[in-house]
C-alpha atoms as a PDB file:
ATOM      1  CA  MET A   1      90.089 108.121  92.737  1.00  0.00           C
ATOM      2  CA  SER A   2      88.585 108.160  88.965  1.00  0.00           C
ATOM      3  CA  GLU A   3      87.999 104.741  87.073  1.00  0.00           C
ATOM      4  CA  ARG A   4      88.091 106.297  83.481  1.00  0.00           C
ATOM      5  CA  SER A   5      90.034 104.597  81.232  1.00  0.00           C
ATOM      6  CA  PRO A   6      93.640 106.153  81.299  1.00  0.00           C
ATOM      7  CA  SER A   7      94.548 108.491  78.344  1.00  0.00           C
ATOM      8  CA  ALA A   8      97.440 107.453  75.851  1.00  0.00           C
ATOM      9  CA  ARG A   9      99.518 110.324  77.139  1.00  0.00           C
ATOM     10  CA  ALA A  10      99.256 108.943  80.413  1.00  0.00           C
ATOM     11  CA  LEU A  11      99.737 105.450  79.509  1.00  0.00           C
ATOM     12  CA  THR A  12     102.775 106.479  77.347  1.00  0.00           C
ATOM     13  CA  PHE A  13     104.627 107.489  80.612  1.00  0.00           C
ATOM     14  CA  THR A  14     103.621 104.559  82.316  1.00  0.00           C
ATOM     15  CA  ILE A  15     104.956 102.267  80.088  1.00  0.00           C
ATOM     16  CA  LEU A  16     108.239 104.130  79.504  1.00  0.00           C
ATOM     17  CA  ALA A  17     108.515 104.555  83.394  1.00  0.00           C
ATOM     18  CA  GLU A  18     108.021 101.037  84.350  1.00  0.00           C
ATOM     19  CA  TYR A  19     109.799  99.137  81.531  1.00  0.00           C
ATOM     20  CA  LEU A  20     112.660 101.696  80.194  1.00  0.00           C
ATOM     21  CA  ARG A  21     115.143 100.726  83.164  1.00  0.00           C
ATOM     22  CA  ASP A  22     118.530 101.585  81.690  1.00  0.00           C
ATOM     23  CA  PRO A  23     119.449 105.201  80.781  1.00  0.00           C
ATOM     24  CA  GLU A  24     120.264 104.104  77.106  1.00  0.00           C
ATOM     25  CA  SER A  25     117.037 102.267  76.814  1.00  0.00           C
ATOM     26  CA  ARG A  26     114.722 102.809  73.552  1.00  0.00           C
ATOM     27  CA  LEU A  27     111.804 101.653  72.137  1.00  0.00           C
ATOM     28  CA  TRP A  28     110.882 101.694  68.355  1.00  0.00           C
ATOM     29  CA  SER A  29     108.039 103.775  67.475  1.00  0.00           C
ATOM     30  CA  ASN A  30     106.057 100.606  66.241  1.00  0.00           C
ATOM     31  CA  THR A  31     106.906  98.853  69.652  1.00  0.00           C
ATOM     32  CA  LEU A  32     105.113 101.771  71.457  1.00  0.00           C
ATOM     33  CA  ILE A  33     102.159 102.068  69.167  1.00  0.00           C
ATOM     34  CA  GLU A  34     101.552  98.127  69.314  1.00  0.00           C
ATOM     35  CA  ALA A  35     101.997  98.679  72.940  1.00  0.00           C
ATOM     36  CA  LEU A  36      99.474 101.378  73.404  1.00  0.00           C
ATOM     37  CA  GLY A  37      97.425  99.294  71.203  1.00  0.00           C
ATOM     38  CA  ALA A  38      97.539  96.120  73.591  1.00  0.00           C
ATOM     39  CA  MET A  39      96.154  98.603  76.163  1.00  0.00           C
ATOM     40  CA  GLY A  40      93.070  99.984  74.307  1.00  0.00           C
ATOM     41  CA  ILE A  41      94.762 103.110  72.606  1.00  0.00           C
ATOM     42  CA  ALA A  42      94.035 103.673  68.987  1.00  0.00           C
ATOM     43  CA  GLU A  43      96.895 104.075  66.545  1.00  0.00           C
ATOM     44  CA  ALA A  44      96.537 107.979  65.755  1.00  0.00           C
ATOM     45  CA  ALA A  45      96.190 108.601  69.524  1.00  0.00           C
ATOM     46  CA  ALA A  46      99.381 106.668  70.111  1.00  0.00           C
ATOM     47  CA  ARG A  47     101.085 108.940  67.656  1.00  0.00           C
ATOM     48  CA  ARG A  48      99.574 112.267  68.934  1.00  0.00           C
ATOM     49  CA  ALA A  49     101.070 110.864  72.655  1.00  0.00           C
ATOM     50  CA  LEU A  50     104.236 110.205  71.435  1.00  0.00           C
ATOM     51  CA  ALA A  51     104.771 113.349  69.576  1.00  0.00           C
ATOM     52  CA  ARG A  52     103.136 115.263  72.579  1.00  0.00           C
ATOM     53  CA  ALA A  53     105.689 113.712  74.922  1.00  0.00           C
ATOM     54  CA  GLY A  54     108.559 114.524  72.622  1.00  0.00           C
ATOM     55  CA  GLU A  55     107.287 118.266  72.408  1.00  0.00           C
ATOM     56  CA  SER A  56     107.200 118.601  76.400  1.00  0.00           C
ATOM     57  CA  GLY A  57     110.617 117.101  76.549  1.00  0.00           C
ATOM     58  CA  TRP A  58     109.951 113.786  77.783  1.00  0.00           C
ATOM     59  CA  ILE A  59     111.555 111.355  74.931  1.00  0.00           C
ATOM     60  CA  GLU A  60     113.533 112.190  72.309  1.00  0.00           C
ATOM     61  CA  SER A  61     113.689 110.644  68.626  1.00  0.00           C
ATOM     62  CA  GLU A  62     116.487 109.347  66.673  1.00  0.00           C
ATOM     63  CA  ARG A  63     116.512 107.740  63.285  1.00  0.00           C
ATOM     64  CA  ALA A  64     118.137 104.280  62.433  1.00  0.00           C
ATOM     65  CA  GLY A  65     117.870 103.814  58.647  1.00  0.00           C
ATOM     66  CA  ARG A  66     113.930 104.117  57.961  1.00  0.00           C
ATOM     67  CA  GLN A  67     112.770 103.589  61.411  1.00  0.00           C
ATOM     68  CA  VAL A  68     112.638 105.579  64.195  1.00  0.00           C
ATOM     69  CA  PHE A  69     113.196 104.891  68.081  1.00  0.00           C
ATOM     70  CA  TRP A  70     112.269 106.993  71.056  1.00  0.00           C
ATOM     71  CA  LYS A  71     114.425 107.137  74.233  1.00  0.00           C
ATOM     72  CA  ALA A  72     113.813 109.148  77.897  1.00  0.00           C
ATOM     73  CA  THR A  73     115.689 112.648  77.766  1.00  0.00           C
ATOM     74  CA  PRO A  74     118.163 112.732  80.746  1.00  0.00           C
ATOM     75  CA  THR A  75     115.499 114.608  82.640  1.00  0.00           C
ATOM     76  CA  ALA A  76     113.109 111.896  82.059  1.00  0.00           C
ATOM     77  CA  VAL A  77     115.281 109.160  83.038  1.00  0.00           C
ATOM     78  CA  ALA A  78     116.096 111.058  86.452  1.00  0.00           C
ATOM     79  CA  LEU A  79     112.260 111.354  87.088  1.00  0.00           C
ATOM     80  CA  PHE A  80     111.501 108.062  86.138  1.00  0.00           C
ATOM     81  CA  THR A  81     114.319 106.561  88.197  1.00  0.00           C
ATOM     82  CA  GLU A  82     113.204 108.280  91.266  1.00  0.00           C
ATOM     83  CA  ALA A  83     109.580 107.228  90.683  1.00  0.00           C
ATOM     84  CA  ARG A  84     111.135 103.602  90.522  1.00  0.00           C
ATOM     85  CA  GLU A  85     112.714 104.028  93.695  1.00  0.00           C
ATOM     86  CA  GLU A  86     109.268 105.429  95.582  1.00  0.00           C
ATOM     87  CA  ALA A  87     107.151 102.895  94.172  1.00  0.00           C
ATOM     88  CA  TYR A  88     109.414  99.877  94.728  1.00  0.00           C
ATOM     89  CA  VAL A  89     111.924 100.621  97.453  1.00  0.00           C
ATOM     90  CA  ARG A  90     110.597 103.452  99.747  1.00  0.00           C
ATOM     91  CA  ARG A  91     107.082 102.364  99.633  1.00  0.00           C
ATOM     92  CA  ARG A  92     107.569  98.955  99.961  1.00  0.00           C
ATOM     93  CA  ASN A  93     110.055  99.061 102.587  1.00  0.00           C
ATOM     94  CA  PRO A  94     109.026 102.338 104.759  1.00  0.00           C
ATOM     95  CA  GLU A  95     111.389 103.939 107.139  1.00  0.00           C
ATOM     96  CA  ALA A  96     110.440 104.179 110.572  1.00  0.00           C
ATOM     97  CA  TRP A  97     109.044 107.622 111.876  1.00  0.00           C
ATOM     98  CA  ASN A  98     110.596 109.782 114.466  1.00  0.00           C
ATOM     99  CA  GLY A  99     107.638 111.791 115.326  1.00  0.00           C
ATOM    100  CA  LYS A 100     108.404 115.217 113.453  1.00  0.00           C
ATOM    101  CA  PHE A 101     107.237 116.891 110.154  1.00  0.00           C
ATOM    102  CA  LEU A 102     108.819 118.769 107.600  1.00  0.00           C
ATOM    103  CA  ILE A 103     106.831 121.972 106.666  1.00  0.00           C
ATOM    104  CA  LEU A 104     107.250 124.190 103.949  1.00  0.00           C
ATOM    105  CA  ILE A 105     106.186 127.751 103.346  1.00  0.00           C
ATOM    106  CA  THR A 106     105.947 128.988  99.891  1.00  0.00           C
ATOM    107  CA  THR A 107     105.524 131.928  98.024  1.00  0.00           C
ATOM    108  CA  VAL A 108     104.394 131.689  94.464  1.00  0.00           C
ATOM    109  CA  SER A 109     102.361 134.332  93.170  1.00  0.00           C
ATOM    110  CA  GLU A 110      99.015 133.580  92.057  1.00  0.00           C
ATOM    111  CA  THR A 111      99.893 134.820  88.392  1.00  0.00           C
ATOM    112  CA  GLN A 112     102.547 132.086  88.064  1.00  0.00           C
ATOM    113  CA  ARG A 113      99.632 129.607  87.537  1.00  0.00           C
ATOM    114  CA  PRO A 114     102.018 127.086  85.480  1.00  0.00           C
ATOM    115  CA  LEU A 115     104.975 127.537  87.869  1.00  0.00           C
ATOM    116  CA  ARG A 116     102.226 126.744  90.754  1.00  0.00           C
ATOM    117  CA  HIS A 117     100.681 123.680  89.046  1.00  0.00           C
ATOM    118  CA  ALA A 118     104.666 122.534  88.724  1.00  0.00           C
ATOM    119  CA  LEU A 119     105.544 122.688  92.226  1.00  0.00           C
ATOM    120  CA  ARG A 120     102.074 121.344  93.651  1.00  0.00           C
ATOM    121  CA  THR A 121     102.554 118.277  91.458  1.00  0.00           C
ATOM    122  CA  ARG A 122     106.353 117.723  92.374  1.00  0.00           C
ATOM    123  CA  LEU A 123     105.506 118.025  95.633  1.00  0.00           C
ATOM    124  CA  LEU A 124     102.613 116.082  95.866  1.00  0.00           C
ATOM    125  CA  TRP A 125     104.710 113.173  94.203  1.00  0.00           C
ATOM    126  CA  LEU A 126     107.255 113.514  97.189  1.00  0.00           C
ATOM    127  CA  GLY A 127     104.407 113.064  99.607  1.00  0.00           C
ATOM    128  CA  PHE A 128     103.737 116.438 100.912  1.00  0.00           C
ATOM    129  CA  GLY A 129     100.139 117.261 102.022  1.00  0.00           C
ATOM    130  CA  ALA A 130      98.889 121.206 101.621  1.00  0.00           C
ATOM    131  CA  VAL A 131      97.518 122.098 105.110  1.00  0.00           C
ATOM    132  CA  GLY A 132      96.968 126.071 104.090  1.00  0.00           C
ATOM    133  CA  ARG A 133      97.773 128.458 100.943  1.00  0.00           C
ATOM    134  CA  GLY A 134     101.404 128.030 100.414  1.00  0.00           C
ATOM    135  CA  ILE A 135     101.642 125.816 103.383  1.00  0.00           C
ATOM    136  CA  TRP A 136     103.018 122.069 102.799  1.00  0.00           C
ATOM    137  CA  ILE A 137     103.829 119.062 105.366  1.00  0.00           C
ATOM    138  CA  SER A 138     105.714 116.027 104.942  1.00  0.00           C
ATOM    139  CA  PRO A 139     105.903 113.059 107.885  1.00  0.00           C
ATOM    140  CA  ARG A 140     109.510 112.423 106.619  1.00  0.00           C
ATOM    141  CA  PRO A 141     111.971 115.372 107.283  1.00  0.00           C
ATOM    142  CA  GLY A 142     114.679 113.534 105.613  1.00  0.00           C
ATOM    143  CA  ILE A 143     113.206 114.083 102.296  1.00  0.00           C
ATOM    144  CA  ALA A 144     114.441 117.750 102.341  1.00  0.00           C
ATOM    145  CA  HIS A 145     117.865 116.467 100.157  1.00  0.00           C
ATOM    146  CA  ARG A 146     114.850 115.347  97.287  1.00  0.00           C
ATOM    147  CA  VAL A 147     112.954 118.630  97.366  1.00  0.00           C
ATOM    148  CA  ALA A 148     116.175 121.024  97.002  1.00  0.00           C
ATOM    149  CA  PRO A 149     116.736 119.912  93.541  1.00  0.00           C
ATOM    150  CA  VAL A 150     113.132 120.532  93.034  1.00  0.00           C
ATOM    151  CA  LEU A 151     112.822 123.697  94.111  1.00  0.00           C
ATOM    152  CA  GLU A 152     116.421 124.817  92.262  1.00  0.00           C
ATOM    153  CA  GLU A 153     115.164 123.495  88.941  1.00  0.00           C
ATOM    154  CA  LEU A 154     111.831 125.382  89.365  1.00  0.00           C
ATOM    155  CA  GLU A 155     113.927 128.547  90.540  1.00  0.00           C
ATOM    156  CA  LEU A 156     111.900 128.513  93.659  1.00  0.00           C
ATOM    157  CA  SER A 157     114.696 128.328  96.183  1.00  0.00           C
ATOM    158  CA  ARG A 158     114.356 131.695  97.767  1.00  0.00           C
ATOM    159  CA  ASN A 159     110.509 131.407  97.628  1.00  0.00           C
ATOM    160  CA  VAL A 160     110.593 128.795 100.100  1.00  0.00           C
ATOM    161  CA  ILE A 161     111.224 128.471 103.947  1.00  0.00           C
ATOM    162  CA  SER A 162     111.089 125.281 105.986  1.00  0.00           C
ATOM    163  CA  PHE A 163     111.162 123.870 109.276  1.00  0.00           C
ATOM    164  CA  VAL A 164     110.802 120.897 111.203  1.00  0.00           C
ATOM    165  CA  GLY A 165     109.658 119.975 114.320  1.00  0.00           C
ATOM    166  CA  ASN A 166     106.933 118.163 116.496  1.00  0.00           C
ATOM    167  CA  VAL A 167     103.035 118.715 116.853  1.00  0.00           C
ATOM    168  CA  GLY A 168     102.665 121.284 119.564  1.00  0.00           C
ATOM    169  CA  PRO A 169     100.650 121.454 122.650  1.00  0.00           C
ATOM    170  CA  LEU A 170      97.525 122.818 120.740  1.00  0.00           C
ATOM    171  CA  GLY A 171      96.062 120.289 118.267  1.00  0.00           C
ATOM    172  CA  SER A 172      96.945 116.760 117.593  1.00  0.00           C
ATOM    173  CA  GLU A 173      98.707 114.574 114.889  1.00  0.00           C
ATOM    174  CA  TYR A 174      95.252 113.347 113.885  1.00  0.00           C
ATOM    175  CA  GLU A 175      94.406 116.838 112.822  1.00  0.00           C
ATOM    176  CA  VAL A 176      97.213 117.623 110.510  1.00  0.00           C
ATOM    177  CA  VAL A 177      96.816 114.324 109.002  1.00  0.00           C
ATOM    178  CA  HIS A 178      93.198 114.827 108.228  1.00  0.00           C
ATOM    179  CA  GLU A 179      93.686 118.466 107.044  1.00  0.00           C
ATOM    180  CA  ALA A 180      96.439 117.592 104.616  1.00  0.00           C
ATOM    181  CA  TRP A 181      95.030 114.383 103.265  1.00  0.00           C
ATOM    182  CA  ASP A 182      91.868 112.836 102.453  1.00  0.00           C
ATOM    183  CA  ILE A 183      92.328 109.512 104.520  1.00  0.00           C
ATOM    184  CA  MET A 184      88.544 108.080 104.452  1.00  0.00           C
ATOM    185  CA  SER A 185      88.732 108.952 100.450  1.00  0.00           C
ATOM    186  CA  LEU A 186      92.322 107.064 100.122  1.00  0.00           C
ATOM    187  CA  SER A 187      91.027 103.945 102.086  1.00  0.00           C
ATOM    188  CA  ARG A 188      87.939 103.527  99.793  1.00  0.00           C
ATOM    189  CA  ASP A 189      89.917 103.705  96.586  1.00  0.00           C
ATOM    190  CA  TYR A 190      92.399 100.922  98.468  1.00  0.00           C
ATOM    191  CA  GLN A 191      89.760  98.736  99.232  1.00  0.00           C
ATOM    192  CA  GLY A 192      88.285  98.982  95.787  1.00  0.00           C
ATOM    193  CA  PHE A 193      91.624  98.776  94.313  1.00  0.00           C
ATOM    194  CA  LEU A 194      92.266  95.371  96.538  1.00  0.00           C
ATOM    195  CA  MET A 195      88.757  93.645  95.607  1.00  0.00           C
ATOM    196  CA  ASP A 196      89.752  94.162  91.786  1.00  0.00           C
ATOM    197  CA  MET A 197      93.342  92.709  91.921  1.00  0.00           C
ATOM    198  CA  GLU A 198      91.960  89.478  94.049  1.00  0.00           C
ATOM    199  CA  ALA A 199      89.171  89.048  91.277  1.00  0.00           C
ATOM    200  CA  MET A 200      91.592  89.118  88.354  1.00  0.00           C
ATOM    201  CA  PRO A 201      92.155  85.958  86.564  1.00  0.00           C
ATOM    202  CA  THR A 202      95.873  84.502  85.863  1.00  0.00           C
ATOM    203  CA  PRO A 203      96.944  85.818  82.808  1.00  0.00           C
ATOM    204  CA  ALA A 204      97.300  83.079  80.057  1.00  0.00           C
ATOM    205  CA  THR A 205      99.909  84.687  77.639  1.00  0.00           C
ATOM    206  CA  PRO A 206     102.661  87.131  78.129  1.00  0.00           C
ATOM    207  CA  LEU A 207     100.634  89.350  76.085  1.00  0.00           C
ATOM    208  CA  GLU A 208      97.733  89.094  78.739  1.00  0.00           C
ATOM    209  CA  THR A 209     100.284  89.668  81.493  1.00  0.00           C
ATOM    210  CA  PHE A 210     101.693  92.879  79.995  1.00  0.00           C
ATOM    211  CA  GLN A 211      97.775  94.100  79.425  1.00  0.00           C
ATOM    212  CA  MET A 212      97.298  93.503  83.142  1.00  0.00           C
ATOM    213  CA  LEU A 213     100.202  94.257  84.925  1.00  0.00           C
ATOM    214  CA  THR A 214     100.509  97.658  83.084  1.00  0.00           C
ATOM    215  CA  GLY A 215      97.135  98.410  84.072  1.00  0.00           C
ATOM    216  CA  LEU A 216      97.967  97.841  87.640  1.00  0.00           C
ATOM    217  CA  VAL A 217     101.250 100.086  87.657  1.00  0.00           C
ATOM    218  CA  HIS A 218      99.217 102.681  86.026  1.00  0.00           C
ATOM    219  CA  ARG A 219      96.771 102.532  88.662  1.00  0.00           C
ATOM    220  CA  TRP A 220      99.620 102.285  91.570  1.00  0.00           C
ATOM    221  CA  ARG A 221     101.058 105.167  90.027  1.00  0.00           C
ATOM    222  CA  ASN A 222      98.039 107.215  90.497  1.00  0.00           C
ATOM    223  CA  PHE A 223      97.627 105.878  94.512  1.00  0.00           C
ATOM    224  CA  LEU A 224     101.715 107.477  94.667  1.00  0.00           C
ATOM    225  CA  LEU A 225     100.115 110.846  93.744  1.00  0.00           C
ATOM    226  CA  VAL A 226      97.584 110.894  96.378  1.00  0.00           C
ATOM    227  CA  ASP A 227      99.011 108.657  99.009  1.00  0.00           C
ATOM    228  CA  PRO A 228     101.871 110.602 100.905  1.00  0.00           C
ATOM    229  CA  GLY A 229     103.052 106.856 102.580  1.00  0.00           C
ATOM    230  CA  LEU A 230     102.346 107.942 106.100  1.00  0.00           C
ATOM    231  CA  PRO A 231     104.220 106.207 108.735  1.00  0.00           C
ATOM    232  CA  HIS A 232     101.821 103.780 110.537  1.00  0.00           C
ATOM    233  CA  GLU A 233     101.630 105.447 112.989  1.00  0.00           C
ATOM    234  CA  LEU A 234      99.419 108.094 111.979  1.00  0.00           C
ATOM    235  CA  LEU A 235      97.097 105.806 110.289  1.00  0.00           C
ATOM    236  CA  PRO A 236      94.151 103.849 111.276  1.00  0.00           C
ATOM    237  CA  GLN A 237      94.244 100.463 112.264  1.00  0.00           C
ATOM    238  CA  GLY A 238      93.833  97.614 110.017  1.00  0.00           C
ATOM    239  CA  TRP A 239      94.990 100.407 107.142  1.00  0.00           C
ATOM    240  CA  ALA A 240      93.660  99.029 103.600  1.00  0.00           C
ATOM    241  CA  GLY A 241      96.816 100.347 101.923  1.00  0.00           C
ATOM    242  CA  HIS A 242      98.993  97.982 103.342  1.00  0.00           C
ATOM    243  CA  THR A 243      96.834  95.311 102.237  1.00  0.00           C
ATOM    244  CA  ALA A 244      96.545  96.475  98.857  1.00  0.00           C
ATOM    245  CA  ALA A 245     100.491  97.047  98.921  1.00  0.00           C
ATOM    246  CA  LYS A 246     101.098  93.709  99.543  1.00  0.00           C
ATOM    247  CA  LYS A 247      99.095  92.204  96.936  1.00  0.00           C
ATOM    248  CA  PHE A 248     100.352  94.619  94.593  1.00  0.00           C
ATOM    249  CA  TYR A 249     103.712  93.805  95.235  1.00  0.00           C
ATOM    250  CA  GLU A 250     103.109  90.236  94.898  1.00  0.00           C
ATOM    251  CA  LEU A 251     101.596  90.430  91.479  1.00  0.00           C
ATOM    252  CA  HIS A 252     104.668  92.755  90.031  1.00  0.00           C
ATOM    253  CA  ASP A 253     106.898  90.350  91.315  1.00  0.00           C
ATOM    254  CA  THR A 254     105.284  87.531  89.330  1.00  0.00           C
ATOM    255  CA  TRP A 255     104.489  89.137  86.290  1.00  0.00           C
ATOM    256  CA  PHE A 256     107.148  91.801  85.777  1.00  0.00           C
ATOM    257  CA  PRO A 257     109.871  89.705  84.464  1.00  0.00           C
ATOM    258  CA  VAL A 258     107.025  88.258  81.915  1.00  0.00           C
ATOM    259  CA  ALA A 259     105.678  91.704  80.829  1.00  0.00           C
ATOM    260  CA  SER A 260     109.178  93.237  80.352  1.00  0.00           C
ATOM    261  CA  LYS A 261     110.145  89.975  77.768  1.00  0.00           C
ATOM    262  CA  TRP A 262     107.151  90.417  75.806  1.00  0.00           C
ATOM    263  CA  LEU A 263     108.101  93.867  75.272  1.00  0.00           C
ATOM    264  CA  ALA A 264     111.469  93.332  74.572  1.00  0.00           C
ATOM    265  CA  ASP A 265     110.590  90.539  72.076  1.00  0.00           C
ATOM    266  CA  LEU A 266     108.066  93.186  70.316  1.00  0.00           C
ATOM    267  CA  ASN A 267     111.199  95.496  70.341  1.00  0.00           C
ATOM    268  CA  GLY A 268     113.208  92.726  68.576  1.00  0.00           C
ATOM    269  CA  ASP A 269     116.907  94.091  68.193  1.00  0.00           C
ATOM    270  CA  GLY A 270     116.235  97.442  69.897  1.00  0.00           C
ATOM    271  CA  PRO A 271     117.544  97.251  73.283  1.00  0.00           C
ATOM    272  CA  ILE A 272     115.328  98.391  76.559  1.00  0.00           C
END
């Protein structure tokens, strides 16, 4: 996993998804610019990121007198809510595995690259791994009800066939998992993340709490894109992801109230 500094656009999405918990939440432009500034993003880059997020349909602006505030669009609200459910509910309390996989076979033309990219991004977020060209697999068959709306939104419902079943007598679950996901690389990334968290000092101010928590959440969101949340039956013993997750949730539980209050105070009379 890359340790490069996150972009203004990526941090904007992290802040919106993490702190705008209510569909009617809003943040003044100056609040977002200052919050991004606290994360090391220059004002010009922050303004460009907000404009691009608006152009992409993630946020929309409204004017209140001489000031402008931003709020998430209905589409973004739905995605942000789903992201929080995945990050803080399903990953924290994983369901027991019934031994079955959900397999999707997709047929999207090579000429439709933006559509292929959108489908890939959404399936990765839902925890699918690719085991061949156009073949996706998940150890959570119950996730099918969350796949259907994605396919409808992308107008691909007629381009996908699904199957549910166990691994047969040829091959093994081990081979499936290591074909679909880079488990060894993911383990190393988790070990590095855990070491970084254990080395973090206790934040001394609300601003430091916001900075440290937002940075951690941003990295955690990246893990959710590459870690499918495999059941423990499919993971090596002593899986580093479990230890890293436990530490992350401990820090998040402690720091989130302080960080969110700092942002709310910064926002003044604009509710978030």
